[in-house]
Amino acid sequence: MPIIVQQENYQQEVLDSSLPVVLDVYATWCGPCQQMAPIFAELEREYINVCRFAKLNVDEARELSIKLGVASIPTFIFIKEGKVKNKVVGYLSKQQLKEKIEQHIKS
């Protein structure tokens, strides 16, 4: 299960993580976000103990979404050592997201 991120736990769960983090910024009403959910879950299982997977609901954490510069969803934010390293907006195939994760791990 991915970590559910809110303003209160963002520092501890994401910024202070010793592993690279893939943050899925989504909304429950967003069609492409719903299509991405099973792909995100599959990749989380593939990258267990390599990457942390977290989800941020824009409706429940609006301030944090704004602070992260999220303008549209889904947005995938790649964070390593407490810093945003990359952002990808929109629907991605499993292979496309996997390639972004691989780049993130190696960067």
PDB file of N, CA and C in Angstrom:
ATOM      1  N   MET A   1       0.837  -1.204   0.000  1.00  0.00           N
ATOM      2  CA  MET A   1       0.000   0.000   0.000  1.00  0.00           C
ATOM      3  C   MET A   1       0.872   1.255   0.000  1.00  0.00           C
ATOM      4  N   PRO A   2       0.555   2.176  -0.876  1.00  0.00           N
ATOM      5  CA  PRO A   2       1.323   3.422  -0.857  1.00  0.00           C
ATOM      6  C   PRO A   2       1.021   4.226   0.408  1.00  0.00           C
ATOM      7  N   ILE A   3       1.925   5.083   0.746  1.00  0.00           N
ATOM      8  CA  ILE A   3       1.757   5.976   1.890  1.00  0.00           C
ATOM      9  C   ILE A   3       0.782   7.073   1.464  1.00  0.00           C
ATOM     10  N   ILE A   4      -0.161   7.399   2.319  1.00  0.00           N
ATOM     11  CA  ILE A   4      -1.069   8.511   2.050  1.00  0.00           C
ATOM     12  C   ILE A   4      -0.435   9.761   2.662  1.00  0.00           C
ATOM     13  N   VAL A   5      -0.146  10.731   1.806  1.00  0.00           N
ATOM     14  CA  VAL A   5       0.559  11.929   2.251  1.00  0.00           C
ATOM     15  C   VAL A   5      -0.426  13.064   2.502  1.00  0.00           C
ATOM     16  N   GLN A   6      -0.221  13.711   3.631  1.00  0.00           N
ATOM     17  CA  GLN A   6      -0.955  14.921   4.012  1.00  0.00           C
ATOM     18  C   GLN A   6       0.098  15.951   4.417  1.00  0.00           C
ATOM     19  N   GLN A   7      -0.335  17.155   4.627  1.00  0.00           N
ATOM     20  CA  GLN A   7       0.586  18.212   5.077  1.00  0.00           C
ATOM     21  C   GLN A   7       1.353  17.762   6.328  1.00  0.00           C
ATOM     22  N   GLU A   8       0.639  17.107   7.247  1.00  0.00           N
ATOM     23  CA  GLU A   8       1.223  16.743   8.542  1.00  0.00           C
ATOM     24  C   GLU A   8       2.346  15.713   8.446  1.00  0.00           C
ATOM     25  N   ASN A   9       2.287  14.803   7.478  1.00  0.00           N
ATOM     26  CA  ASN A   9       3.302  13.746   7.431  1.00  0.00           C
ATOM     27  C   ASN A   9       4.242  13.861   6.231  1.00  0.00           C
ATOM     28  N   TYR A  10       4.105  14.912   5.430  1.00  0.00           N
ATOM     29  CA  TYR A  10       4.917  15.073   4.219  1.00  0.00           C
ATOM     30  C   TYR A  10       6.415  15.080   4.539  1.00  0.00           C
ATOM     31  N   GLN A  11       6.815  15.857   5.525  1.00  0.00           N
ATOM     32  CA  GLN A  11       8.234  15.940   5.898  1.00  0.00           C
ATOM     33  C   GLN A  11       8.776  14.556   6.266  1.00  0.00           C
ATOM     34  N   GLN A  12       8.089  13.883   7.168  1.00  0.00           N
ATOM     35  CA  GLN A  12       8.564  12.595   7.675  1.00  0.00           C
ATOM     36  C   GLN A  12       8.525  11.506   6.601  1.00  0.00           C
ATOM     37  N   GLU A  13       7.434  11.386   5.883  1.00  0.00           N
ATOM     38  CA  GLU A  13       7.243  10.277   4.947  1.00  0.00           C
ATOM     39  C   GLU A  13       7.930  10.479   3.599  1.00  0.00           C
ATOM     40  N   VAL A  14       8.069  11.723   3.165  1.00  0.00           N
ATOM     41  CA  VAL A  14       8.611  11.986   1.834  1.00  0.00           C
ATOM     42  C   VAL A  14       9.995  12.626   1.898  1.00  0.00           C
ATOM     43  N   LEU A  15      10.084  13.800   2.499  1.00  0.00           N
ATOM     44  CA  LEU A  15      11.358  14.527   2.491  1.00  0.00           C
ATOM     45  C   LEU A  15      12.450  13.818   3.283  1.00  0.00           C
ATOM     46  N   ASP A  16      12.082  13.181   4.389  1.00  0.00           N
ATOM     47  CA  ASP A  16      13.083  12.514   5.226  1.00  0.00           C
ATOM     48  C   ASP A  16      13.322  11.057   4.834  1.00  0.00           C
ATOM     49  N   SER A  17      12.693  10.583   3.766  1.00  0.00           N
ATOM     50  CA  SER A  17      12.821   9.187   3.355  1.00  0.00           C
ATOM     51  C   SER A  17      14.248   8.886   2.905  1.00  0.00           C
ATOM     52  N   SER A  18      14.763   7.737   3.335  1.00  0.00           N
ATOM     53  CA  SER A  18      16.095   7.324   2.895  1.00  0.00           C
ATOM     54  C   SER A  18      16.046   6.732   1.482  1.00  0.00           C
ATOM     55  N   LEU A  19      14.847   6.351   1.033  1.00  0.00           N
ATOM     56  CA  LEU A  19      14.666   5.826  -0.319  1.00  0.00           C
ATOM     57  C   LEU A  19      14.119   6.924  -1.227  1.00  0.00           C
ATOM     58  N   PRO A  20      14.359   6.829  -2.541  1.00  0.00           N
ATOM     59  CA  PRO A  20      13.713   7.752  -3.468  1.00  0.00           C
ATOM     60  C   PRO A  20      12.190   7.579  -3.364  1.00  0.00           C
ATOM     61  N   VAL A  21      11.453   8.657  -3.581  1.00  0.00           N
ATOM     62  CA  VAL A  21       9.999   8.630  -3.444  1.00  0.00           C
ATOM     63  C   VAL A  21       9.352   8.974  -4.795  1.00  0.00           C
ATOM     64  N   VAL A  22       8.312   8.208  -5.119  1.00  0.00           N
ATOM     65  CA  VAL A  22       7.464   8.519  -6.267  1.00  0.00           C
ATOM     66  C   VAL A  22       6.123   8.936  -5.682  1.00  0.00           C
ATOM     67  N   LEU A  23       5.757  10.196  -5.888  1.00  0.00           N
ATOM     68  CA  LEU A  23       4.529  10.753  -5.328  1.00  0.00           C
ATOM     69  C   LEU A  23       3.499  10.913  -6.436  1.00  0.00           C
ATOM     70  N   ASP A  24       2.375  10.233  -6.286  1.00  0.00           N
ATOM     71  CA  ASP A  24       1.262  10.300  -7.233  1.00  0.00           C
ATOM     72  C   ASP A  24       0.272  11.328  -6.708  1.00  0.00           C
ATOM     73  N   VAL A  25       0.145  12.453  -7.414  1.00  0.00           N
ATOM     74  CA  VAL A  25      -0.800  13.494  -7.023  1.00  0.00           C
ATOM     75  C   VAL A  25      -2.053  13.291  -7.872  1.00  0.00           C
ATOM     76  N   TYR A  26      -3.184  13.083  -7.209  1.00  0.00           N
ATOM     77  CA  TYR A  26      -4.398  12.653  -7.895  1.00  0.00           C
ATOM     78  C   TYR A  26      -5.646  13.250  -7.257  1.00  0.00           C
ATOM     79  N   ALA A  27      -6.789  12.954  -7.873  1.00  0.00           N
ATOM     80  CA  ALA A  27      -8.097  13.246  -7.278  1.00  0.00           C
ATOM     81  C   ALA A  27      -9.008  12.065  -7.577  1.00  0.00           C
ATOM     82  N   THR A  28      -9.937  11.813  -6.691  1.00  0.00           N
ATOM     83  CA  THR A  28     -10.836  10.660  -6.862  1.00  0.00           C
ATOM     84  C   THR A  28     -11.744  10.817  -8.075  1.00  0.00           C
ATOM     85  N   TRP A  29     -12.041  12.040  -8.482  1.00  0.00           N
ATOM     86  CA  TRP A  29     -12.936  12.310  -9.608  1.00  0.00           C
ATOM     87  C   TRP A  29     -12.211  12.348 -10.950  1.00  0.00           C
ATOM     88  N   CYS A  30     -10.911  12.176 -10.965  1.00  0.00           N
ATOM     89  CA  CYS A  30     -10.083  12.298 -12.177  1.00  0.00           C
ATOM     90  C   CYS A  30      -9.978  10.946 -12.888  1.00  0.00           C
ATOM     91  N   GLY A  31     -10.518  10.873 -14.097  1.00  0.00           N
ATOM     92  CA  GLY A  31     -10.495   9.624 -14.871  1.00  0.00           C
ATOM     93  C   GLY A  31      -9.105   9.084 -15.126  1.00  0.00           C
ATOM     94  N   PRO A  32      -8.194   9.895 -15.688  1.00  0.00           N
ATOM     95  CA  PRO A  32      -6.828   9.403 -15.918  1.00  0.00           C
ATOM     96  C   PRO A  32      -6.135   8.972 -14.622  1.00  0.00           C
ATOM     97  N   CYS A  33      -6.446   9.646 -13.509  1.00  0.00           N
ATOM     98  CA  CYS A  33      -5.865   9.260 -12.206  1.00  0.00           C
ATOM     99  C   CYS A  33      -6.335   7.851 -11.829  1.00  0.00           C
ATOM    100  N   GLN A  34      -7.613   7.581 -12.052  1.00  0.00           N
ATOM    101  CA  GLN A  34      -8.159   6.256 -11.733  1.00  0.00           C
ATOM    102  C   GLN A  34      -7.525   5.186 -12.614  1.00  0.00           C
ATOM    103  N   GLN A  35      -7.248   5.538 -13.881  1.00  0.00           N
ATOM    104  CA  GLN A  35      -6.599   4.589 -14.786  1.00  0.00           C
ATOM    105  C   GLN A  35      -5.161   4.308 -14.347  1.00  0.00           C
ATOM    106  N   MET A  36      -4.515   5.287 -13.751  1.00  0.00           N
ATOM    107  CA  MET A  36      -3.128   5.134 -13.314  1.00  0.00           C
ATOM    108  C   MET A  36      -3.003   4.335 -12.015  1.00  0.00           C
ATOM    109  N   ALA A  37      -4.047   4.303 -11.207  1.00  0.00           N
ATOM    110  CA  ALA A  37      -3.967   3.670  -9.878  1.00  0.00           C
ATOM    111  C   ALA A  37      -3.483   2.218  -9.928  1.00  0.00           C
ATOM    112  N   PRO A  38      -4.034   1.345 -10.784  1.00  0.00           N
ATOM    113  CA  PRO A  38      -3.532  -0.033 -10.793  1.00  0.00           C
ATOM    114  C   PRO A  38      -2.092  -0.144 -11.301  1.00  0.00           C
ATOM    115  N   ILE A  39      -1.707   0.717 -12.227  1.00  0.00           N
ATOM    116  CA  ILE A  39      -0.326   0.727 -12.734  1.00  0.00           C
ATOM    117  C   ILE A  39       0.625   1.137 -11.609  1.00  0.00           C
ATOM    118  N   PHE A  40       0.246   2.175 -10.870  1.00  0.00           N
ATOM    119  CA  PHE A  40       1.048   2.646  -9.735  1.00  0.00           C
ATOM    120  C   PHE A  40       1.201   1.527  -8.706  1.00  0.00           C
ATOM    121  N   ALA A  41       0.112   0.810  -8.431  1.00  0.00           N
ATOM    122  CA  ALA A  41       0.141  -0.290  -7.455  1.00  0.00           C
ATOM    123  C   ALA A  41       1.040  -1.433  -7.929  1.00  0.00           C
ATOM    124  N   GLU A  42       0.973  -1.766  -9.206  1.00  0.00           N
ATOM    125  CA  GLU A  42       1.832  -2.829  -9.752  1.00  0.00           C
ATOM    126  C   GLU A  42       3.301  -2.455  -9.617  1.00  0.00           C
ATOM    127  N   LEU A  43       3.624  -1.226  -9.980  1.00  0.00           N
ATOM    128  CA  LEU A  43       5.019  -0.796  -9.907  1.00  0.00           C
ATOM    129  C   LEU A  43       5.504  -0.702  -8.464  1.00  0.00           C
ATOM    130  N   GLU A  44       4.614  -0.354  -7.568  1.00  0.00           N
ATOM    131  CA  GLU A  44       5.004  -0.329  -6.152  1.00  0.00           C
ATOM    132  C   GLU A  44       5.458  -1.721  -5.710  1.00  0.00           C
ATOM    133  N   ARG A  45       4.737  -2.740  -6.144  1.00  0.00           N
ATOM    134  CA  ARG A  45       5.122  -4.120  -5.786  1.00  0.00           C
ATOM    135  C   ARG A  45       6.465  -4.501  -6.432  1.00  0.00           C
ATOM    136  N   GLU A  46       6.697  -4.028  -7.648  1.00  0.00           N
ATOM    137  CA  GLU A  46       7.950  -4.349  -8.343  1.00  0.00           C
ATOM    138  C   GLU A  46       9.157  -3.666  -7.705  1.00  0.00           C
ATOM    139  N   TYR A  47       8.941  -2.495  -7.141  1.00  0.00           N
ATOM    140  CA  TYR A  47      10.061  -1.701  -6.608  1.00  0.00           C
ATOM    141  C   TYR A  47      10.076  -1.663  -5.082  1.00  0.00           C
ATOM    142  N   ILE A  48       9.498  -2.679  -4.455  1.00  0.00           N
ATOM    143  CA  ILE A  48       9.481  -2.722  -2.991  1.00  0.00           C
ATOM    144  C   ILE A  48      10.931  -2.698  -2.474  1.00  0.00           C
ATOM    145  N   ASN A  49      11.173  -1.920  -1.457  1.00  0.00           N
ATOM    146  CA  ASN A  49      12.502  -1.736  -0.840  1.00  0.00           C
ATOM    147  C   ASN A  49      13.508  -1.025  -1.739  1.00  0.00           C
ATOM    148  N   VAL A  50      13.056  -0.509  -2.895  1.00  0.00           N
ATOM    149  CA  VAL A  50      13.928   0.253  -3.784  1.00  0.00           C
ATOM    150  C   VAL A  50      13.473   1.708  -3.803  1.00  0.00           C
ATOM    151  N   CYS A  51      12.167   1.881  -3.772  1.00  0.00           N
ATOM    152  CA  CYS A  51      11.521   3.192  -3.865  1.00  0.00           C
ATOM    153  C   CYS A  51      10.333   3.202  -2.915  1.00  0.00           C
ATOM    154  N   ARG A  52       9.990   4.364  -2.428  1.00  0.00           N
ATOM    155  CA  ARG A  52       8.746   4.516  -1.659  1.00  0.00           C
ATOM    156  C   ARG A  52       7.693   5.092  -2.594  1.00  0.00           C
ATOM    157  N   PHE A  53       6.500   4.581  -2.499  1.00  0.00           N
ATOM    158  CA  PHE A  53       5.392   5.071  -3.308  1.00  0.00           C
ATOM    159  C   PHE A  53       4.397   5.747  -2.376  1.00  0.00           C
ATOM    160  N   ALA A  54       4.010   6.961  -2.758  1.00  0.00           N
ATOM    161  CA  ALA A  54       3.104   7.741  -1.917  1.00  0.00           C
ATOM    162  C   ALA A  54       2.037   8.386  -2.794  1.00  0.00           C
ATOM    163  N   LYS A  55       0.881   8.648  -2.197  1.00  0.00           N
ATOM    164  CA  LYS A  55      -0.223   9.277  -2.916  1.00  0.00           C
ATOM    165  C   LYS A  55      -0.668  10.526  -2.172  1.00  0.00           C
ATOM    166  N   LEU A  56      -0.976  11.556  -2.951  1.00  0.00           N
ATOM    167  CA  LEU A  56      -1.425  12.825  -2.398  1.00  0.00           C
ATOM    168  C   LEU A  56      -2.713  13.218  -3.110  1.00  0.00           C
ATOM    169  N   ASN A  57      -3.800  13.306  -2.357  1.00  0.00           N
ATOM    170  CA  ASN A  57      -5.094  13.702  -2.909  1.00  0.00           C
ATOM    171  C   ASN A  57      -5.163  15.224  -2.914  1.00  0.00           C
ATOM    172  N   VAL A  58      -5.298  15.827  -4.116  1.00  0.00           N
ATOM    173  CA  VAL A  58      -5.296  17.287  -4.210  1.00  0.00           C
ATOM    174  C   VAL A  58      -6.443  17.919  -3.438  1.00  0.00           C
ATOM    175  N   ASP A  59      -7.569  17.229  -3.340  1.00  0.00           N
ATOM    176  CA  ASP A  59      -8.722  17.788  -2.629  1.00  0.00           C
ATOM    177  C   ASP A  59      -8.532  17.769  -1.114  1.00  0.00           C
ATOM    178  N   GLU A  60      -7.719  16.847  -0.622  1.00  0.00           N
ATOM    179  CA  GLU A  60      -7.498  16.726   0.821  1.00  0.00           C
ATOM    180  C   GLU A  60      -6.242  17.468   1.280  1.00  0.00           C
ATOM    181  N   ALA A  61      -5.363  17.804   0.342  1.00  0.00           N
ATOM    182  CA  ALA A  61      -4.111  18.484   0.699  1.00  0.00           C
ATOM    183  C   ALA A  61      -3.831  19.588  -0.318  1.00  0.00           C
ATOM    184  N   ARG A  62      -4.783  20.486  -0.452  1.00  0.00           N
ATOM    185  CA  ARG A  62      -4.701  21.550  -1.460  1.00  0.00           C
ATOM    186  C   ARG A  62      -3.455  22.424  -1.285  1.00  0.00           C
ATOM    187  N   GLU A  63      -3.182  22.846  -0.049  1.00  0.00           N
ATOM    188  CA  GLU A  63      -2.019  23.723   0.191  1.00  0.00           C
ATOM    189  C   GLU A  63      -0.713  23.069  -0.221  1.00  0.00           C
ATOM    190  N   LEU A  64      -0.560  21.799   0.126  1.00  0.00           N
ATOM    191  CA  LEU A  64       0.659  21.071  -0.222  1.00  0.00           C
ATOM    192  C   LEU A  64       0.753  20.901  -1.741  1.00  0.00           C
ATOM    193  N   SER A  65      -0.360  20.633  -2.396  1.00  0.00           N
ATOM    194  CA  SER A  65      -0.382  20.503  -3.862  1.00  0.00           C
ATOM    195  C   SER A  65       0.082  21.800  -4.518  1.00  0.00           C
ATOM    196  N   ILE A  66      -0.406  22.912  -4.014  1.00  0.00           N
ATOM    197  CA  ILE A  66      -0.011  24.233  -4.545  1.00  0.00           C
ATOM    198  C   ILE A  66       1.480  24.462  -4.313  1.00  0.00           C
ATOM    199  N   LYS A  67       1.935  24.148  -3.109  1.00  0.00           N
ATOM    200  CA  LYS A  67       3.350  24.316  -2.762  1.00  0.00           C
ATOM    201  C   LYS A  67       4.249  23.486  -3.690  1.00  0.00           C
ATOM    202  N   LEU A  68       3.752  22.321  -4.111  1.00  0.00           N
ATOM    203  CA  LEU A  68       4.517  21.452  -5.004  1.00  0.00           C
ATOM    204  C   LEU A  68       4.381  21.853  -6.474  1.00  0.00           C
ATOM    205  N   GLY A  69       3.582  22.878  -6.735  1.00  0.00           N
ATOM    206  CA  GLY A  69       3.445  23.372  -8.097  1.00  0.00           C
ATOM    207  C   GLY A  69       2.587  22.511  -8.997  1.00  0.00           C
ATOM    208  N   VAL A  70       1.643  21.787  -8.403  1.00  0.00           N
ATOM    209  CA  VAL A  70       0.774  20.921  -9.190  1.00  0.00           C
ATOM    210  C   VAL A  70      -0.312  21.765  -9.850  1.00  0.00           C
ATOM    211  N   ALA A  71      -0.333  21.757 -11.187  1.00  0.00           N
ATOM    212  CA  ALA A  71      -1.311  22.537 -11.940  1.00  0.00           C
ATOM    213  C   ALA A  71      -2.386  21.654 -12.552  1.00  0.00           C
ATOM    214  N   SER A  72      -2.045  20.408 -12.866  1.00  0.00           N
ATOM    215  CA  SER A  72      -3.041  19.470 -13.372  1.00  0.00           C
ATOM    216  C   SER A  72      -2.673  18.070 -12.900  1.00  0.00           C
ATOM    217  N   ILE A  73      -3.648  17.173 -13.016  1.00  0.00           N
ATOM    218  CA  ILE A  73      -3.463  15.818 -12.501  1.00  0.00           C
ATOM    219  C   ILE A  73      -3.820  14.802 -13.564  1.00  0.00           C
ATOM    220  N   PRO A  74      -3.273  13.602 -13.483  1.00  0.00           N
ATOM    221  CA  PRO A  74      -2.298  13.161 -12.488  1.00  0.00           C
ATOM    222  C   PRO A  74      -0.933  13.819 -12.702  1.00  0.00           C
ATOM    223  N   THR A  75      -0.222  14.023 -11.606  1.00  0.00           N
ATOM    224  CA  THR A  75       1.166  14.483 -11.642  1.00  0.00           C
ATOM    225  C   THR A  75       1.982  13.507 -10.806  1.00  0.00           C
ATOM    226  N   PHE A  76       3.087  13.079 -11.354  1.00  0.00           N
ATOM    227  CA  PHE A  76       4.010  12.210 -10.623  1.00  0.00           C
ATOM    228  C   PHE A  76       5.243  13.039 -10.297  1.00  0.00           C
ATOM    229  N   ILE A  77       5.548  13.102  -9.003  1.00  0.00           N
ATOM    230  CA  ILE A  77       6.687  13.892  -8.538  1.00  0.00           C
ATOM    231  C   ILE A  77       7.731  12.926  -7.990  1.00  0.00           C
ATOM    232  N   PHE A  78       8.942  13.083  -8.477  1.00  0.00           N
ATOM    233  CA  PHE A  78      10.044  12.206  -8.086  1.00  0.00           C
ATOM    234  C   PHE A  78      10.945  12.975  -7.130  1.00  0.00           C
ATOM    235  N   ILE A  79      11.049  12.470  -5.894  1.00  0.00           N
ATOM    236  CA  ILE A  79      11.763  13.165  -4.828  1.00  0.00           C
ATOM    237  C   ILE A  79      12.872  12.264  -4.305  1.00  0.00           C
ATOM    238  N   LYS A  80      14.046  12.864  -4.161  1.00  0.00           N
ATOM    239  CA  LYS A  80      15.198  12.111  -3.661  1.00  0.00           C
ATOM    240  C   LYS A  80      15.990  13.020  -2.744  1.00  0.00           C
ATOM    241  N   GLU A  81      16.361  12.490  -1.591  1.00  0.00           N
ATOM    242  CA  GLU A  81      17.143  13.248  -0.607  1.00  0.00           C
ATOM    243  C   GLU A  81      16.492  14.583  -0.279  1.00  0.00           C
ATOM    244  N   GLY A  82      15.154  14.555  -0.184  1.00  0.00           N
ATOM    245  CA  GLY A  82      14.411  15.737   0.225  1.00  0.00           C
ATOM    246  C   GLY A  82      14.191  16.784  -0.855  1.00  0.00           C
ATOM    247  N   LYS A  83      14.579  16.481  -2.092  1.00  0.00           N
ATOM    248  CA  LYS A  83      14.444  17.461  -3.179  1.00  0.00           C
ATOM    249  C   LYS A  83      13.645  16.892  -4.349  1.00  0.00           C
ATOM    250  N   VAL A  84      12.811  17.747  -4.944  1.00  0.00           N
ATOM    251  CA  VAL A  84      12.078  17.351  -6.140  1.00  0.00           C
ATOM    252  C   VAL A  84      13.080  17.278  -7.287  1.00  0.00           C
ATOM    253  N   LYS A  85      13.176  16.098  -7.896  1.00  0.00           N
ATOM    254  CA  LYS A  85      14.129  15.879  -8.982  1.00  0.00           C
ATOM    255  C   LYS A  85      13.463  15.929 -10.356  1.00  0.00           C
ATOM    256  N   ASN A  86      12.168  15.566 -10.406  1.00  0.00           N
ATOM    257  CA  ASN A  86      11.472  15.527 -11.687  1.00  0.00           C
ATOM    258  C   ASN A  86       9.972  15.531 -11.435  1.00  0.00           C
ATOM    259  N   LYS A  87       9.225  15.996 -12.445  1.00  0.00           N
ATOM    260  CA  LYS A  87       7.764  16.003 -12.397  1.00  0.00           C
ATOM    261  C   LYS A  87       7.256  15.586 -13.766  1.00  0.00           C
ATOM    262  N   VAL A  88       6.280  14.712 -13.790  1.00  0.00           N
ATOM    263  CA  VAL A  88       5.667  14.283 -15.042  1.00  0.00           C
ATOM    264  C   VAL A  88       4.164  14.430 -14.886  1.00  0.00           C
ATOM    265  N   VAL A  89       3.535  15.085 -15.863  1.00  0.00           N
ATOM    266  CA  VAL A  89       2.100  15.345 -15.797  1.00  0.00           C
ATOM    267  C   VAL A  89       1.378  14.515 -16.849  1.00  0.00           C
ATOM    268  N   GLY A  90       0.239  13.942 -16.439  1.00  0.00           N
ATOM    269  CA  GLY A  90      -0.620  13.237 -17.376  1.00  0.00           C
ATOM    270  C   GLY A  90      -0.516  11.728 -17.285  1.00  0.00           C
ATOM    271  N   TYR A  91      -1.373  11.086 -18.053  1.00  0.00           N
ATOM    272  CA  TYR A  91      -1.418   9.622 -18.085  1.00  0.00           C
ATOM    273  C   TYR A  91      -0.135   9.077 -18.698  1.00  0.00           C
ATOM    274  N   LEU A  92       0.397   8.018 -18.097  1.00  0.00           N
ATOM    275  CA  LEU A  92       1.572   7.319 -18.620  1.00  0.00           C
ATOM    276  C   LEU A  92       1.253   5.834 -18.704  1.00  0.00           C
ATOM    277  N   SER A  93       1.815   5.169 -19.690  1.00  0.00           N
ATOM    278  CA  SER A  93       1.701   3.712 -19.726  1.00  0.00           C
ATOM    279  C   SER A  93       2.571   3.146 -18.599  1.00  0.00           C
ATOM    280  N   LYS A  94       2.385   1.886 -18.293  1.00  0.00           N
ATOM    281  CA  LYS A  94       3.210   1.253 -17.263  1.00  0.00           C
ATOM    282  C   LYS A  94       4.690   1.363 -17.650  1.00  0.00           C
ATOM    283  N   GLN A  95       4.991   1.112 -18.916  1.00  0.00           N
ATOM    284  CA  GLN A  95       6.376   1.165 -19.370  1.00  0.00           C
ATOM    285  C   GLN A  95       6.950   2.579 -19.236  1.00  0.00           C
ATOM    286  N   GLN A  96       6.162   3.586 -19.588  1.00  0.00           N
ATOM    287  CA  GLN A  96       6.640   4.974 -19.482  1.00  0.00           C
ATOM    288  C   GLN A  96       6.922   5.345 -18.030  1.00  0.00           C
ATOM    289  N   LEU A  97       6.016   4.978 -17.115  1.00  0.00           N
ATOM    290  CA  LEU A  97       6.226   5.296 -15.701  1.00  0.00           C
ATOM    291  C   LEU A  97       7.422   4.518 -15.158  1.00  0.00           C
ATOM    292  N   LYS A  98       7.554   3.281 -15.581  1.00  0.00           N
ATOM    293  CA  LYS A  98       8.678   2.453 -15.145  1.00  0.00           C
ATOM    294  C   LYS A  98      10.007   3.088 -15.579  1.00  0.00           C
ATOM    295  N   GLU A  99      10.061   3.598 -16.810  1.00  0.00           N
ATOM    296  CA  GLU A  99      11.275   4.258 -17.293  1.00  0.00           C
ATOM    297  C   GLU A  99      11.607   5.492 -16.456  1.00  0.00           C
ATOM    298  N   LYS A 100      10.578   6.261 -16.087  1.00  0.00           N
ATOM    299  CA  LYS A 100      10.797   7.447 -15.244  1.00  0.00           C
ATOM    300  C   LYS A 100      11.318   7.032 -13.872  1.00  0.00           C
ATOM    301  N   ILE A 101      10.776   5.950 -13.326  1.00  0.00           N
ATOM    302  CA  ILE A 101      11.226   5.457 -12.016  1.00  0.00           C
ATOM    303  C   ILE A 101      12.691   5.003 -12.105  1.00  0.00           C
ATOM    304  N   GLU A 102      13.032   4.283 -13.164  1.00  0.00           N
ATOM    305  CA  GLU A 102      14.415   3.834 -13.357  1.00  0.00           C
ATOM    306  C   GLU A 102      15.367   5.025 -13.422  1.00  0.00           C
ATOM    307  N   GLN A 103      14.991   6.055 -14.170  1.00  0.00           N
ATOM    308  CA  GLN A 103      15.820   7.265 -14.261  1.00  0.00           C
ATOM    309  C   GLN A 103      15.987   7.889 -12.880  1.00  0.00           C
ATOM    310  N   HIS A 104      14.899   7.906 -12.118  1.00  0.00           N
ATOM    311  CA  HIS A 104      14.880   8.513 -10.787  1.00  0.00           C
ATOM    312  C   HIS A 104      15.817   7.770  -9.832  1.00  0.00           C
ATOM    313  N   ILE A 105      15.777   6.456  -9.884  1.00  0.00           N
ATOM    314  CA  ILE A 105      16.605   5.643  -8.990  1.00  0.00           C
ATOM    315  C   ILE A 105      18.080   5.873  -9.292  1.00  0.00           C
ATOM    316  N   LYS A 106      18.407   5.990 -10.571  1.00  0.00           N
ATOM    317  CA  LYS A 106      19.812   6.121 -10.982  1.00  0.00           C
ATOM    318  C   LYS A 106      20.352   7.522 -10.903  1.00  0.00           C
ATOM    319  N   SER A 107      19.475   8.515 -10.786  1.00  0.00           N
ATOM    320  CA  SER A 107      19.941   9.919 -10.797  1.00  0.00           C
ATOM    321  C   SER A 107      20.653  10.290  -9.510  1.00  0.00           C
TER     322      SER A 107
END
